[in-house]
N, C-alpha and C. Protein backbone atom coordinates (compact mmCIF):
# COMPACT_ATOMS: atom_id res chain seq x y z
N MET A 1 -16.43 -1.73 -12.04
CA MET A 1 -15.36 -1.06 -11.30
C MET A 1 -15.17 -1.76 -9.95
N THR A 2 -13.95 -1.98 -9.60
CA THR A 2 -13.63 -2.65 -8.35
C THR A 2 -13.67 -1.66 -7.19
N GLU A 3 -14.53 -1.95 -6.21
CA GLU A 3 -14.62 -1.16 -4.99
C GLU A 3 -14.77 -2.10 -3.81
N ILE A 4 -14.23 -1.67 -2.68
CA ILE A 4 -14.39 -2.40 -1.43
C ILE A 4 -14.84 -1.39 -0.38
N ARG A 5 -15.90 -1.76 0.34
CA ARG A 5 -16.35 -0.92 1.45
C ARG A 5 -16.01 -1.62 2.75
N THR A 6 -15.47 -0.85 3.66
CA THR A 6 -15.24 -1.31 5.03
C THR A 6 -16.16 -0.47 5.90
N PRO A 7 -16.18 -0.68 7.21
CA PRO A 7 -17.07 0.15 8.04
C PRO A 7 -16.85 1.66 7.89
N ARG A 8 -15.60 2.07 7.62
CA ARG A 8 -15.33 3.51 7.57
C ARG A 8 -14.74 4.00 6.26
N LEU A 9 -14.41 3.07 5.35
CA LEU A 9 -13.63 3.44 4.16
C LEU A 9 -14.24 2.91 2.88
N LEU A 10 -13.94 3.61 1.79
CA LEU A 10 -14.21 3.13 0.45
C LEU A 10 -12.87 3.01 -0.26
N LEU A 11 -12.55 1.80 -0.68
CA LEU A 11 -11.35 1.55 -1.47
C LEU A 11 -11.81 1.47 -2.92
N ARG A 12 -11.26 2.32 -3.77
CA ARG A 12 -11.77 2.44 -5.13
C ARG A 12 -10.64 2.81 -6.09
N ARG A 13 -10.98 2.77 -7.37
CA ARG A 13 -10.04 3.22 -8.40
C ARG A 13 -9.90 4.75 -8.32
N TRP A 14 -8.91 5.25 -9.01
CA TRP A 14 -8.55 6.67 -8.92
C TRP A 14 -9.43 7.55 -9.79
N HIS A 15 -9.76 8.74 -9.29
CA HIS A 15 -10.52 9.77 -10.01
C HIS A 15 -9.59 10.94 -10.29
N ASP A 16 -9.94 11.75 -11.29
CA ASP A 16 -9.13 12.92 -11.62
C ASP A 16 -8.96 13.86 -10.43
N ASP A 17 -10.00 14.01 -9.62
CA ASP A 17 -9.92 14.95 -8.51
C ASP A 17 -9.13 14.41 -7.31
N ASP A 18 -8.57 13.21 -7.44
CA ASP A 18 -7.69 12.66 -6.40
C ASP A 18 -6.26 13.20 -6.52
N LEU A 19 -5.91 13.76 -7.66
CA LEU A 19 -4.52 14.17 -7.90
C LEU A 19 -4.05 15.20 -6.86
N ALA A 20 -4.77 16.27 -6.67
CA ALA A 20 -4.32 17.31 -5.74
C ALA A 20 -4.19 16.81 -4.31
N PRO A 21 -5.20 16.11 -3.75
CA PRO A 21 -5.00 15.64 -2.38
C PRO A 21 -3.90 14.59 -2.24
N MET A 22 -3.71 13.73 -3.26
CA MET A 22 -2.62 12.76 -3.17
C MET A 22 -1.28 13.46 -3.30
N ALA A 23 -1.20 14.49 -4.12
CA ALA A 23 0.04 15.27 -4.23
C ALA A 23 0.37 15.95 -2.91
N ASP A 24 -0.66 16.43 -2.19
CA ASP A 24 -0.43 17.03 -0.87
C ASP A 24 0.15 15.98 0.09
N ILE A 25 -0.39 14.76 0.05
CA ILE A 25 0.12 13.68 0.90
C ILE A 25 1.57 13.40 0.55
N ASN A 26 1.87 13.29 -0.75
CA ASN A 26 3.23 12.98 -1.21
C ASN A 26 4.21 14.12 -0.97
N ALA A 27 3.73 15.34 -0.75
CA ALA A 27 4.60 16.49 -0.51
C ALA A 27 4.96 16.64 0.97
N ASP A 28 4.40 15.80 1.82
CA ASP A 28 4.63 15.89 3.26
C ASP A 28 5.87 15.06 3.63
N PRO A 29 6.94 15.69 4.10
CA PRO A 29 8.15 14.94 4.45
C PRO A 29 7.92 13.89 5.53
N ARG A 30 6.95 14.11 6.43
CA ARG A 30 6.66 13.11 7.46
C ARG A 30 6.09 11.84 6.84
N VAL A 31 5.27 11.99 5.82
CA VAL A 31 4.70 10.84 5.13
C VAL A 31 5.78 10.11 4.33
N MET A 32 6.60 10.87 3.64
CA MET A 32 7.55 10.28 2.70
C MET A 32 8.85 9.82 3.37
N ARG A 33 8.98 10.05 4.65
CA ARG A 33 10.19 9.68 5.38
C ARG A 33 10.60 8.23 5.15
N TRP A 34 9.63 7.34 5.08
CA TRP A 34 9.91 5.91 4.96
C TRP A 34 9.80 5.38 3.53
N VAL A 35 9.56 6.28 2.56
CA VAL A 35 9.33 5.87 1.17
C VAL A 35 10.56 6.20 0.32
N ASP A 36 11.16 5.20 -0.28
CA ASP A 36 12.26 5.40 -1.24
C ASP A 36 13.33 6.37 -0.75
N GLY A 37 13.66 6.34 0.50
CA GLY A 37 14.73 7.19 0.99
C GLY A 37 14.30 8.56 1.43
N GLY A 38 13.01 8.90 1.26
CA GLY A 38 12.51 10.11 1.85
C GLY A 38 12.21 11.31 0.98
N PRO A 39 12.54 11.33 -0.33
CA PRO A 39 12.22 12.55 -1.08
C PRO A 39 10.71 12.70 -1.28
N VAL A 40 10.24 13.95 -1.19
CA VAL A 40 8.82 14.20 -1.45
C VAL A 40 8.57 14.15 -2.95
N HIS A 41 7.31 13.95 -3.32
CA HIS A 41 6.92 13.91 -4.72
C HIS A 41 6.06 15.14 -5.02
N ASP A 42 6.31 15.76 -6.16
CA ASP A 42 5.52 16.93 -6.55
C ASP A 42 4.27 16.49 -7.33
N LEU A 43 3.52 17.46 -7.81
CA LEU A 43 2.27 17.18 -8.52
C LEU A 43 2.51 16.32 -9.76
N ASP A 44 3.55 16.66 -10.53
CA ASP A 44 3.83 15.89 -11.75
C ASP A 44 4.19 14.44 -11.43
N ARG A 45 5.03 14.25 -10.44
CA ARG A 45 5.42 12.89 -10.05
C ARG A 45 4.21 12.11 -9.54
N THR A 46 3.35 12.78 -8.78
CA THR A 46 2.14 12.11 -8.29
C THR A 46 1.24 11.72 -9.45
N ALA A 47 1.11 12.58 -10.44
CA ALA A 47 0.30 12.26 -11.63
C ALA A 47 0.87 11.04 -12.34
N GLU A 48 2.19 10.97 -12.46
CA GLU A 48 2.83 9.80 -13.07
C GLU A 48 2.57 8.55 -12.25
N ASP A 49 2.66 8.68 -10.92
CA ASP A 49 2.39 7.54 -10.03
C ASP A 49 0.98 7.01 -10.23
N ILE A 50 0.00 7.91 -10.20
CA ILE A 50 -1.40 7.49 -10.34
C ILE A 50 -1.62 6.82 -11.70
N GLU A 51 -1.03 7.38 -12.73
CA GLU A 51 -1.15 6.77 -14.06
C GLU A 51 -0.56 5.36 -14.07
N ARG A 52 0.58 5.19 -13.45
CA ARG A 52 1.21 3.86 -13.36
C ARG A 52 0.35 2.90 -12.54
N TRP A 53 -0.23 3.38 -11.45
CA TRP A 53 -1.08 2.54 -10.61
C TRP A 53 -2.31 2.08 -11.39
N GLU A 54 -2.89 2.98 -12.16
CA GLU A 54 -4.06 2.61 -12.96
C GLU A 54 -3.68 1.62 -14.06
N GLU A 55 -2.50 1.78 -14.66
CA GLU A 55 -2.04 0.82 -15.67
C GLU A 55 -1.87 -0.57 -15.07
N GLU A 56 -1.40 -0.63 -13.82
CA GLU A 56 -1.24 -1.93 -13.17
C GLU A 56 -2.60 -2.61 -12.99
N TRP A 57 -3.62 -1.82 -12.66
CA TRP A 57 -4.98 -2.38 -12.59
C TRP A 57 -5.34 -3.04 -13.91
N ASP A 58 -5.09 -2.33 -15.01
CA ASP A 58 -5.44 -2.84 -16.33
C ASP A 58 -4.61 -4.07 -16.71
N ASP A 59 -3.33 -4.06 -16.35
CA ASP A 59 -2.43 -5.15 -16.74
C ASP A 59 -2.54 -6.37 -15.83
N GLU A 60 -2.71 -6.16 -14.53
CA GLU A 60 -2.63 -7.25 -13.56
C GLU A 60 -3.97 -7.67 -12.95
N GLY A 61 -4.97 -6.79 -13.05
CA GLY A 61 -6.25 -7.09 -12.39
C GLY A 61 -6.25 -6.72 -10.93
N PHE A 62 -5.23 -6.02 -10.49
CA PHE A 62 -5.15 -5.47 -9.14
C PHE A 62 -4.26 -4.24 -9.21
N GLY A 63 -4.26 -3.49 -8.13
CA GLY A 63 -3.45 -2.27 -8.08
C GLY A 63 -3.63 -1.57 -6.76
N LEU A 64 -3.27 -0.30 -6.76
CA LEU A 64 -3.41 0.51 -5.55
C LEU A 64 -4.76 1.20 -5.56
N PHE A 65 -5.51 0.99 -4.49
CA PHE A 65 -6.80 1.64 -4.32
C PHE A 65 -6.61 3.04 -3.74
N ALA A 66 -7.41 3.98 -4.21
CA ALA A 66 -7.58 5.24 -3.49
C ALA A 66 -8.40 4.92 -2.24
N VAL A 67 -8.01 5.46 -1.10
CA VAL A 67 -8.73 5.23 0.16
C VAL A 67 -9.49 6.50 0.50
N GLU A 68 -10.79 6.39 0.51
CA GLU A 68 -11.68 7.51 0.78
C GLU A 68 -12.43 7.27 2.09
N LEU A 69 -12.53 8.31 2.91
CA LEU A 69 -13.32 8.21 4.13
C LEU A 69 -14.80 8.29 3.77
N LEU A 70 -15.57 7.30 4.21
CA LEU A 70 -17.00 7.29 3.90
C LEU A 70 -17.72 8.49 4.52
N ALA A 71 -17.33 8.86 5.72
CA ALA A 71 -18.04 9.93 6.44
C ALA A 71 -17.89 11.29 5.77
N SER A 72 -16.71 11.56 5.18
CA SER A 72 -16.46 12.91 4.67
C SER A 72 -16.17 12.96 3.18
N GLY A 73 -15.84 11.82 2.57
CA GLY A 73 -15.45 11.82 1.16
C GLY A 73 -14.01 12.23 0.93
N GLU A 74 -13.26 12.47 2.00
CA GLU A 74 -11.86 12.89 1.87
C GLU A 74 -10.99 11.74 1.38
N LEU A 75 -10.00 12.06 0.56
CA LEU A 75 -8.99 11.09 0.16
C LEU A 75 -7.97 11.00 1.29
N ALA A 76 -7.83 9.80 1.87
CA ALA A 76 -6.88 9.60 2.97
C ALA A 76 -5.53 9.13 2.47
N GLY A 77 -5.47 8.56 1.26
CA GLY A 77 -4.22 8.03 0.71
C GLY A 77 -4.50 6.83 -0.14
N PHE A 78 -3.63 5.81 -0.04
CA PHE A 78 -3.84 4.59 -0.80
C PHE A 78 -3.51 3.35 0.01
N THR A 79 -4.02 2.25 -0.45
CA THR A 79 -3.60 0.92 -0.05
C THR A 79 -3.83 0.03 -1.25
N GLY A 80 -3.09 -1.04 -1.34
CA GLY A 80 -3.34 -1.93 -2.47
C GLY A 80 -2.22 -2.90 -2.73
N LEU A 81 -2.24 -3.41 -3.95
CA LEU A 81 -1.33 -4.47 -4.37
C LEU A 81 -0.52 -4.01 -5.56
N SER A 82 0.73 -4.45 -5.59
CA SER A 82 1.59 -4.15 -6.74
C SER A 82 2.67 -5.21 -6.85
N VAL A 83 3.25 -5.28 -8.03
CA VAL A 83 4.38 -6.17 -8.25
C VAL A 83 5.63 -5.35 -7.93
N PRO A 84 6.42 -5.78 -6.93
CA PRO A 84 7.59 -4.98 -6.49
C PRO A 84 8.81 -5.17 -7.40
N GLU A 85 8.71 -4.65 -8.61
CA GLU A 85 9.78 -4.84 -9.59
C GLU A 85 11.10 -4.20 -9.16
N PHE A 86 11.05 -3.23 -8.26
CA PHE A 86 12.27 -2.58 -7.79
C PHE A 86 13.14 -3.53 -6.96
N LEU A 87 12.58 -4.67 -6.53
CA LEU A 87 13.28 -5.61 -5.68
C LEU A 87 13.22 -7.01 -6.31
N PRO A 88 14.02 -7.23 -7.36
CA PRO A 88 13.94 -8.48 -8.13
C PRO A 88 14.11 -9.75 -7.30
N GLU A 89 14.81 -9.66 -6.17
CA GLU A 89 15.07 -10.87 -5.38
C GLU A 89 13.80 -11.49 -4.78
N VAL A 90 12.70 -10.73 -4.71
CA VAL A 90 11.47 -11.28 -4.15
C VAL A 90 10.49 -11.77 -5.22
N LEU A 91 10.81 -11.51 -6.48
CA LEU A 91 9.91 -11.88 -7.57
C LEU A 91 9.95 -13.37 -7.84
N PRO A 92 8.87 -13.97 -8.29
CA PRO A 92 7.57 -13.34 -8.52
C PRO A 92 6.85 -13.15 -7.19
N ALA A 93 6.27 -12.00 -7.02
CA ALA A 93 5.56 -11.69 -5.78
C ALA A 93 4.58 -10.56 -6.02
N VAL A 94 3.60 -10.48 -5.16
CA VAL A 94 2.68 -9.35 -5.11
C VAL A 94 2.78 -8.79 -3.70
N ALA A 95 2.98 -7.48 -3.62
CA ALA A 95 3.16 -6.83 -2.33
C ALA A 95 1.96 -5.96 -1.99
N ILE A 96 1.60 -5.95 -0.72
CA ILE A 96 0.58 -5.06 -0.21
C ILE A 96 1.30 -3.84 0.38
N SER A 97 0.72 -2.67 0.13
CA SER A 97 1.33 -1.46 0.68
C SER A 97 0.25 -0.43 0.98
N TRP A 98 0.65 0.62 1.67
CA TRP A 98 -0.28 1.67 2.07
C TRP A 98 0.50 2.95 2.28
N ARG A 99 -0.18 4.05 2.11
CA ARG A 99 0.37 5.38 2.41
C ARG A 99 -0.82 6.29 2.70
N LEU A 100 -0.87 6.80 3.90
CA LEU A 100 -1.94 7.70 4.29
C LEU A 100 -1.37 9.05 4.69
N GLY A 101 -2.15 10.08 4.46
CA GLY A 101 -1.76 11.41 4.90
C GLY A 101 -1.70 11.48 6.41
N SER A 102 -0.84 12.33 6.94
CA SER A 102 -0.63 12.38 8.39
C SER A 102 -1.89 12.71 9.19
N PRO A 103 -2.86 13.48 8.68
CA PRO A 103 -4.08 13.69 9.48
C PRO A 103 -4.87 12.41 9.74
N PHE A 104 -4.55 11.35 9.00
CA PHE A 104 -5.30 10.10 9.10
C PHE A 104 -4.55 9.02 9.87
N TRP A 105 -3.41 9.36 10.42
CA TRP A 105 -2.61 8.40 11.18
C TRP A 105 -3.25 8.15 12.55
N GLY A 106 -2.95 6.97 13.09
CA GLY A 106 -3.31 6.66 14.46
C GLY A 106 -4.80 6.40 14.69
N GLN A 107 -5.55 6.18 13.62
CA GLN A 107 -6.99 5.97 13.75
C GLN A 107 -7.41 4.58 13.25
N GLY A 108 -6.44 3.76 12.89
CA GLY A 108 -6.74 2.41 12.43
C GLY A 108 -7.13 2.31 10.97
N TYR A 109 -7.07 3.40 10.23
CA TYR A 109 -7.46 3.36 8.82
C TYR A 109 -6.53 2.48 7.99
N ALA A 110 -5.23 2.56 8.23
CA ALA A 110 -4.28 1.75 7.44
C ALA A 110 -4.55 0.27 7.66
N SER A 111 -4.75 -0.13 8.91
CA SER A 111 -5.03 -1.54 9.20
C SER A 111 -6.35 -1.99 8.58
N GLU A 112 -7.36 -1.14 8.68
CA GLU A 112 -8.68 -1.48 8.13
C GLU A 112 -8.60 -1.65 6.61
N ALA A 113 -7.93 -0.72 5.94
CA ALA A 113 -7.80 -0.80 4.49
C ALA A 113 -6.93 -1.97 4.07
N ALA A 114 -5.83 -2.19 4.80
CA ALA A 114 -4.92 -3.28 4.45
C ALA A 114 -5.58 -4.64 4.65
N GLN A 115 -6.36 -4.79 5.72
CA GLN A 115 -7.06 -6.06 5.95
C GLN A 115 -8.03 -6.35 4.81
N ALA A 116 -8.78 -5.34 4.38
CA ALA A 116 -9.72 -5.52 3.27
C ALA A 116 -8.97 -5.84 1.97
N THR A 117 -7.82 -5.22 1.78
CA THR A 117 -7.03 -5.47 0.59
C THR A 117 -6.44 -6.88 0.60
N LEU A 118 -6.00 -7.33 1.77
CA LEU A 118 -5.45 -8.68 1.88
C LEU A 118 -6.53 -9.72 1.57
N GLU A 119 -7.72 -9.51 2.09
CA GLU A 119 -8.83 -10.42 1.78
C GLU A 119 -9.13 -10.42 0.29
N PHE A 120 -9.13 -9.24 -0.33
CA PHE A 120 -9.33 -9.10 -1.78
C PHE A 120 -8.28 -9.89 -2.55
N ALA A 121 -7.02 -9.79 -2.12
CA ALA A 121 -5.92 -10.47 -2.80
C ALA A 121 -6.05 -11.98 -2.74
N LEU A 122 -6.30 -12.48 -1.55
CA LEU A 122 -6.26 -13.93 -1.33
C LEU A 122 -7.58 -14.62 -1.69
N GLN A 123 -8.68 -13.93 -1.53
CA GLN A 123 -9.96 -14.58 -1.79
C GLN A 123 -10.58 -14.17 -3.12
N ASP A 124 -10.51 -12.91 -3.47
CA ASP A 124 -11.13 -12.46 -4.71
C ASP A 124 -10.21 -12.66 -5.92
N ARG A 125 -8.95 -12.29 -5.77
CA ARG A 125 -8.01 -12.38 -6.89
C ARG A 125 -7.29 -13.72 -6.95
N GLY A 126 -7.47 -14.56 -5.94
CA GLY A 126 -6.92 -15.91 -5.97
C GLY A 126 -5.42 -16.00 -5.84
N LEU A 127 -4.80 -14.99 -5.26
CA LEU A 127 -3.36 -15.06 -5.03
C LEU A 127 -3.08 -16.07 -3.92
N ASP A 128 -1.99 -16.81 -4.05
CA ASP A 128 -1.62 -17.80 -3.04
C ASP A 128 -0.83 -17.19 -1.89
N ARG A 129 -0.18 -16.04 -2.16
CA ARG A 129 0.74 -15.46 -1.18
C ARG A 129 0.84 -13.96 -1.45
N VAL A 130 0.96 -13.20 -0.37
CA VAL A 130 1.16 -11.76 -0.46
C VAL A 130 2.32 -11.40 0.46
N ILE A 131 3.16 -10.48 0.00
CA ILE A 131 4.27 -10.01 0.83
C ILE A 131 4.05 -8.55 1.20
N SER A 132 4.83 -8.12 2.17
CA SER A 132 4.89 -6.71 2.53
C SER A 132 6.36 -6.35 2.66
N ILE A 133 6.71 -5.18 2.16
CA ILE A 133 8.09 -4.70 2.21
C ILE A 133 8.06 -3.40 3.00
N ASP A 134 8.76 -3.38 4.13
CA ASP A 134 8.80 -2.15 4.90
C ASP A 134 10.21 -1.88 5.41
N ARG A 135 10.50 -0.58 5.54
CA ARG A 135 11.82 -0.19 6.04
C ARG A 135 11.93 -0.51 7.51
N VAL A 136 13.08 -1.04 7.86
CA VAL A 136 13.38 -1.31 9.27
C VAL A 136 13.30 0.02 10.03
N GLY A 137 12.58 0.01 11.15
CA GLY A 137 12.42 1.20 11.96
C GLY A 137 11.08 1.88 11.79
N ASN A 138 10.34 1.54 10.74
CA ASN A 138 9.03 2.13 10.52
C ASN A 138 8.02 1.37 11.37
N GLN A 139 7.91 1.79 12.61
CA GLN A 139 7.09 1.06 13.58
C GLN A 139 5.61 1.07 13.22
N ALA A 140 5.12 2.16 12.61
CA ALA A 140 3.70 2.23 12.24
C ALA A 140 3.38 1.15 11.20
N SER A 141 4.22 0.99 10.19
CA SER A 141 3.99 -0.06 9.20
C SER A 141 4.18 -1.44 9.81
N ALA A 142 5.15 -1.58 10.69
CA ALA A 142 5.35 -2.88 11.36
C ALA A 142 4.11 -3.28 12.14
N ASN A 143 3.42 -2.31 12.73
CA ASN A 143 2.19 -2.62 13.47
C ASN A 143 1.09 -3.11 12.54
N VAL A 144 0.97 -2.50 11.36
CA VAL A 144 -0.03 -2.94 10.39
C VAL A 144 0.30 -4.36 9.93
N VAL A 145 1.56 -4.61 9.62
CA VAL A 145 2.00 -5.94 9.18
C VAL A 145 1.65 -6.98 10.24
N ARG A 146 1.91 -6.67 11.50
CA ARG A 146 1.60 -7.59 12.60
C ARG A 146 0.11 -7.87 12.66
N LYS A 147 -0.71 -6.83 12.52
CA LYS A 147 -2.16 -7.00 12.57
C LYS A 147 -2.68 -7.85 11.41
N LEU A 148 -1.96 -7.84 10.30
CA LEU A 148 -2.34 -8.65 9.14
C LEU A 148 -1.97 -10.12 9.33
N GLY A 149 -1.18 -10.42 10.36
CA GLY A 149 -0.77 -11.80 10.61
C GLY A 149 0.39 -12.26 9.75
N MET A 150 1.12 -11.32 9.17
CA MET A 150 2.26 -11.67 8.33
C MET A 150 3.46 -12.02 9.19
N THR A 151 4.31 -12.88 8.65
CA THR A 151 5.53 -13.29 9.37
C THR A 151 6.76 -12.86 8.58
N LEU A 152 7.83 -12.61 9.31
CA LEU A 152 9.08 -12.17 8.70
C LEU A 152 9.69 -13.29 7.88
N ASP A 153 9.96 -13.00 6.61
CA ASP A 153 10.64 -13.94 5.73
C ASP A 153 12.15 -13.70 5.74
N ARG A 154 12.51 -12.42 5.64
CA ARG A 154 13.93 -12.09 5.55
C ARG A 154 14.15 -10.59 5.66
N GLU A 155 15.41 -10.26 5.83
CA GLU A 155 15.84 -8.87 5.77
C GLU A 155 16.70 -8.71 4.54
N THR A 156 16.63 -7.54 3.93
CA THR A 156 17.45 -7.25 2.77
C THR A 156 17.69 -5.74 2.75
N THR A 157 18.24 -5.22 1.68
CA THR A 157 18.44 -3.78 1.57
C THR A 157 17.81 -3.27 0.28
N HIS A 158 17.36 -2.03 0.32
CA HIS A 158 16.79 -1.40 -0.86
C HIS A 158 17.91 -1.25 -1.89
N PRO A 159 17.69 -1.68 -3.13
CA PRO A 159 18.77 -1.67 -4.11
C PRO A 159 19.27 -0.28 -4.51
N VAL A 160 18.48 0.76 -4.28
CA VAL A 160 18.90 2.11 -4.64
C VAL A 160 19.35 2.89 -3.41
N SER A 161 18.49 2.96 -2.39
CA SER A 161 18.80 3.78 -1.22
C SER A 161 19.72 3.09 -0.23
N GLY A 162 19.76 1.75 -0.26
CA GLY A 162 20.57 1.01 0.69
C GLY A 162 19.94 0.85 2.06
N HIS A 163 18.71 1.33 2.24
CA HIS A 163 18.04 1.20 3.53
C HIS A 163 17.70 -0.26 3.81
N PRO A 164 17.83 -0.69 5.08
CA PRO A 164 17.44 -2.07 5.42
C PRO A 164 15.93 -2.24 5.32
N LEU A 165 15.51 -3.38 4.79
CA LEU A 165 14.10 -3.69 4.58
C LEU A 165 13.75 -5.00 5.25
N HIS A 166 12.51 -5.10 5.71
CA HIS A 166 11.93 -6.35 6.17
C HIS A 166 10.96 -6.84 5.10
N ILE A 167 11.03 -8.12 4.79
CA ILE A 167 10.08 -8.76 3.88
C ILE A 167 9.24 -9.70 4.73
N HIS A 168 7.95 -9.43 4.80
CA HIS A 168 7.00 -10.27 5.52
C HIS A 168 6.09 -10.94 4.50
N SER A 169 5.45 -12.04 4.89
CA SER A 169 4.53 -12.70 3.97
C SER A 169 3.42 -13.39 4.73
N ILE A 170 2.38 -13.70 3.97
CA ILE A 170 1.28 -14.53 4.45
C ILE A 170 0.75 -15.28 3.24
N ASP A 171 0.42 -16.54 3.43
CA ASP A 171 -0.19 -17.28 2.34
C ASP A 171 -1.64 -17.59 2.69
N LEU A 172 -2.35 -18.14 1.75
CA LEU A 172 -3.78 -18.38 1.93
C LEU A 172 -4.05 -19.29 3.12
N THR A 173 -3.23 -20.33 3.30
CA THR A 173 -3.42 -21.25 4.41
C THR A 173 -3.26 -20.53 5.75
N GLU A 174 -2.24 -19.69 5.88
CA GLU A 174 -2.03 -18.94 7.11
C GLU A 174 -3.16 -17.94 7.34
N TYR A 175 -3.62 -17.32 6.27
CA TYR A 175 -4.69 -16.32 6.38
C TYR A 175 -5.98 -16.95 6.87
N GLU A 176 -6.28 -18.15 6.37
CA GLU A 176 -7.53 -18.81 6.75
C GLU A 176 -7.47 -19.47 8.12
N ALA A 177 -6.26 -19.61 8.68
CA ALA A 177 -6.10 -20.29 9.98
C ALA A 177 -6.62 -19.44 11.14
């Protein structure tokens, strides 16, 4: 089983008991404000999401990690890698993303988890390049992207919602520099 430990976090595959806390995160309009135009996800949609994320692990050898706090065992959200099929113009690509519940904001957890995931992508999984897709105006995600050392590749729009997006990237050479 693929797991990554950071000083404060355990990044791991999904467990059955993660469904309820992840559904609570997905039901928070503050969390979902920047995701796919803002609609919250209910328990059934969250179950479908987790099932899809686990299938990506099986199909691709990477996916979205559940992010657990080592100190308390609480599920904080996710971070990980996925193929951004919703945005064909960037393919082939692997994107890093994260979503944490609002009680876990502002504590550096997203950056800590994303940095560990980026290292996993470029060094363990042998990817040459990783992108990040974030909505213009989402300053919290922009801060994580900056801390990862990613650079802006282009701006585009979400094909469904029409929201402006930033596409950032980093390759192995830039990461090792």
